[in-house]
Amino acid sequence: MASLPNANAEITQFFRNWLETFAGYVREVDYASARPLFHPEVLAFGTHNDVIPGLDQWVSTQWDNVWPKTSDFRFVIEQASVLASADGAMATVIAPWTSTGYHPDGSAFPRPGRATMVFSRNGDGWLCVHSHMSLNRGVPQASHANRPVKAW
């Protein structure tokens, strides 16, 4: 059986930087800066919805229900895997992530999860066309922080 289509070093480094950039926007609750990383018609899965069609709906139903209510979001970069099509038109990034959740009394709990993101390359670079981010088993889905949104 053939091995996985692992991305070359340049593409892998690009997506490691992408993960760091996106995670920074999550930590800052900066929806406006994160939006250009995604195709406007992105299809996403998340904690609060099964299939979310389009970036606007994803922001309002998923990002806004999670980012302000958690903190410390980071991808575990050294465990990220990047796969790429032979023609360089598509890539998939698989990475675990960590964050902090908050119980109703304000006490913190570890909130780890995992992500799979599919990217399409066009003349403007790479855009995420599918994202599936989910919590690890047994992690409470609800978090109760109330951080302000930096930019819509």
Protein backbone atom coordinates (compact mmCIF):
# COMPACT_ATOMS: atom_id res chain seq x y z
CA MET A 1 0.00 0.00 0.00
CA ALA A 2 1.27 3.50 -0.83
CA SER A 3 2.24 5.85 1.97
CA LEU A 4 0.22 8.91 2.86
CA PRO A 5 0.72 11.95 0.61
CA ASN A 6 2.68 13.96 3.16
CA ALA A 7 3.21 17.58 2.19
CA ASN A 8 6.70 18.83 1.41
CA ALA A 9 8.59 20.94 3.95
CA GLU A 10 7.49 24.27 2.44
CA ILE A 11 3.78 23.44 2.50
CA THR A 12 4.07 21.89 5.96
CA GLN A 13 5.71 25.04 7.31
CA PHE A 14 3.07 27.24 5.66
CA PHE A 15 0.29 25.34 7.45
CA ARG A 16 2.12 25.28 10.78
CA ASN A 17 2.28 29.08 10.50
CA TRP A 18 -1.40 29.13 9.46
CA LEU A 19 -2.33 27.15 12.59
CA GLU A 20 -0.38 29.56 14.80
CA THR A 21 -2.02 32.57 13.13
CA PHE A 22 -5.54 31.17 13.39
CA ALA A 23 -5.03 30.12 17.03
CA GLY A 24 -3.92 33.67 17.82
CA TYR A 25 -7.17 35.04 16.38
CA VAL A 26 -9.15 32.55 18.48
CA ARG A 27 -7.30 33.64 21.63
CA GLU A 28 -7.95 37.30 20.77
CA VAL A 29 -11.61 36.60 19.85
CA ASP A 30 -10.88 38.38 16.56
CA TYR A 31 -13.44 37.11 14.06
CA ALA A 32 -12.63 39.83 11.51
CA SER A 33 -8.98 38.81 11.21
CA ALA A 34 -9.81 35.09 11.04
CA ARG A 35 -12.45 35.40 8.29
CA PRO A 36 -10.02 35.81 5.34
CA LEU A 37 -8.45 32.43 6.15
CA PHE A 38 -11.67 30.67 5.11
CA HIS A 39 -13.68 30.32 1.93
CA PRO A 40 -16.97 32.26 2.27
CA GLU A 41 -18.89 29.04 1.56
CA VAL A 42 -16.83 26.89 3.95
CA LEU A 43 -18.58 23.76 5.21
CA ALA A 44 -17.87 23.15 8.87
CA PHE A 45 -18.69 20.77 11.69
CA GLY A 46 -18.53 21.89 15.28
CA THR A 47 -19.76 21.41 18.81
CA HIS A 48 -22.98 23.38 18.37
CA ASN A 49 -24.06 22.26 14.87
CA ASP A 50 -23.66 19.23 12.63
CA VAL A 51 -23.07 20.87 9.23
CA ILE A 52 -22.65 24.60 9.06
CA PRO A 53 -22.95 26.02 5.52
CA GLY A 54 -21.00 29.20 5.04
CA LEU A 55 -18.65 31.40 7.01
CA ASP A 56 -21.26 33.85 8.32
CA GLN A 57 -23.33 31.07 9.87
CA TRP A 58 -20.20 29.40 11.25
CA VAL A 59 -19.10 32.62 12.94
CA SER A 60 -22.52 33.30 14.47
CA THR A 61 -23.37 29.76 15.58
CA GLN A 62 -19.99 28.22 16.42
CA TRP A 63 -17.22 30.78 16.85
CA ASP A 64 -19.39 33.13 18.88
CA ASN A 65 -20.55 30.26 21.12
CA VAL A 66 -16.99 29.08 21.82
CA TRP A 67 -14.24 31.68 21.42
CA PRO A 68 -15.49 34.20 24.04
CA LYS A 69 -16.30 31.39 26.47
CA THR A 70 -12.86 29.75 26.44
CA SER A 71 -9.23 30.86 26.58
CA ASP A 72 -5.66 29.78 25.81
CA PHE A 73 -6.49 28.08 22.47
CA ARG A 74 -3.43 26.55 20.79
CA PHE A 75 -2.76 23.84 18.26
CA VAL A 76 -0.19 21.22 19.26
CA ILE A 77 2.04 22.10 16.30
CA GLU A 78 4.56 19.30 16.81
CA GLN A 79 1.72 16.77 16.45
CA ALA A 80 0.19 18.37 13.34
CA SER A 81 0.12 16.34 10.13
CA VAL A 82 -0.14 17.96 6.71
CA LEU A 83 -1.17 16.01 3.64
CA ALA A 84 -1.19 17.48 0.13
CA SER A 85 -2.41 16.38 -3.27
CA ALA A 86 0.25 15.64 -5.86
CA ASP A 87 -0.86 18.61 -7.98
CA GLY A 88 -0.63 20.99 -5.00
CA ALA A 89 -4.28 22.05 -5.29
CA MET A 90 -5.62 20.54 -2.04
CA ALA A 91 -4.22 19.99 1.44
CA THR A 92 -5.52 18.51 4.66
CA VAL A 93 -4.27 19.48 8.11
CA ILE A 94 -4.89 17.25 11.13
CA ALA A 95 -3.92 18.62 14.54
CA PRO A 96 -4.82 18.29 18.19
CA TRP A 97 -5.48 21.47 20.14
CA THR A 98 -5.71 22.62 23.72
CA SER A 99 -7.73 25.32 25.42
CA THR A 100 -9.13 26.22 28.80
CA GLY A 101 -12.82 25.92 29.61
CA TYR A 102 -14.68 27.35 32.57
CA HIS A 103 -17.30 25.84 34.85
CA PRO A 104 -20.28 28.05 35.88
CA ASP A 105 -18.44 28.86 39.15
CA GLY A 106 -15.48 30.22 37.14
CA SER A 107 -13.13 27.36 37.88
CA ALA A 108 -11.01 26.29 34.91
CA PHE A 109 -10.75 22.88 33.25
CA PRO A 110 -8.58 21.52 30.42
CA ARG A 111 -10.49 21.60 27.13
CA PRO A 112 -8.51 19.59 24.54
CA GLY A 113 -9.74 18.57 21.13
CA ARG A 114 -8.76 17.81 17.58
CA ALA A 115 -9.20 19.39 14.19
CA THR A 116 -9.25 18.37 10.56
CA MET A 117 -9.18 21.13 7.98
CA VAL A 118 -9.26 20.84 4.20
CA PHE A 119 -7.72 23.58 2.08
CA SER A 120 -8.04 24.51 -1.56
CA ARG A 121 -5.35 26.48 -3.39
CA ASN A 122 -6.31 29.21 -5.80
CA GLY A 123 -4.65 32.30 -7.26
CA ASP A 124 -4.88 34.06 -3.90
CA GLY A 125 -3.27 31.24 -1.92
CA TRP A 126 -4.83 28.68 0.38
CA LEU A 127 -8.37 28.92 1.80
CA CYS A 128 -9.92 26.50 4.27
CA VAL A 129 -12.98 24.93 2.63
CA HIS A 130 -13.88 22.46 5.40
CA SER A 131 -13.21 22.42 9.13
CA HIS A 132 -14.16 19.85 11.72
CA MET A 133 -13.15 20.75 15.25
CA SER A 134 -14.33 18.61 18.11
CA LEU A 135 -13.63 18.13 21.78
CA ASN A 136 -11.98 14.99 23.06
CA ARG A 137 -14.28 12.45 24.67
CA GLY A 138 -15.39 13.29 28.17
CA VAL A 139 -14.60 17.01 27.96
CA PRO A 140 -17.52 19.23 29.03
CA GLN A 141 -19.03 20.93 25.98
CA ALA A 142 -20.24 24.01 27.83
CA SER A 143 -17.82 26.69 28.94
CA HIS A 144 -18.86 29.81 30.80
CA ALA A 145 -16.27 32.55 30.34
CA ASN A 146 -17.48 35.86 28.91
CA ARG A 147 -14.57 37.45 27.06
CA PRO A 148 -15.22 40.40 24.75
CA VAL A 149 -15.13 40.08 20.96
CA LYS A 150 -12.22 42.13 19.63
CA ALA A 151 -13.60 42.51 16.08
CA TRP A 152 -16.53 41.13 14.13
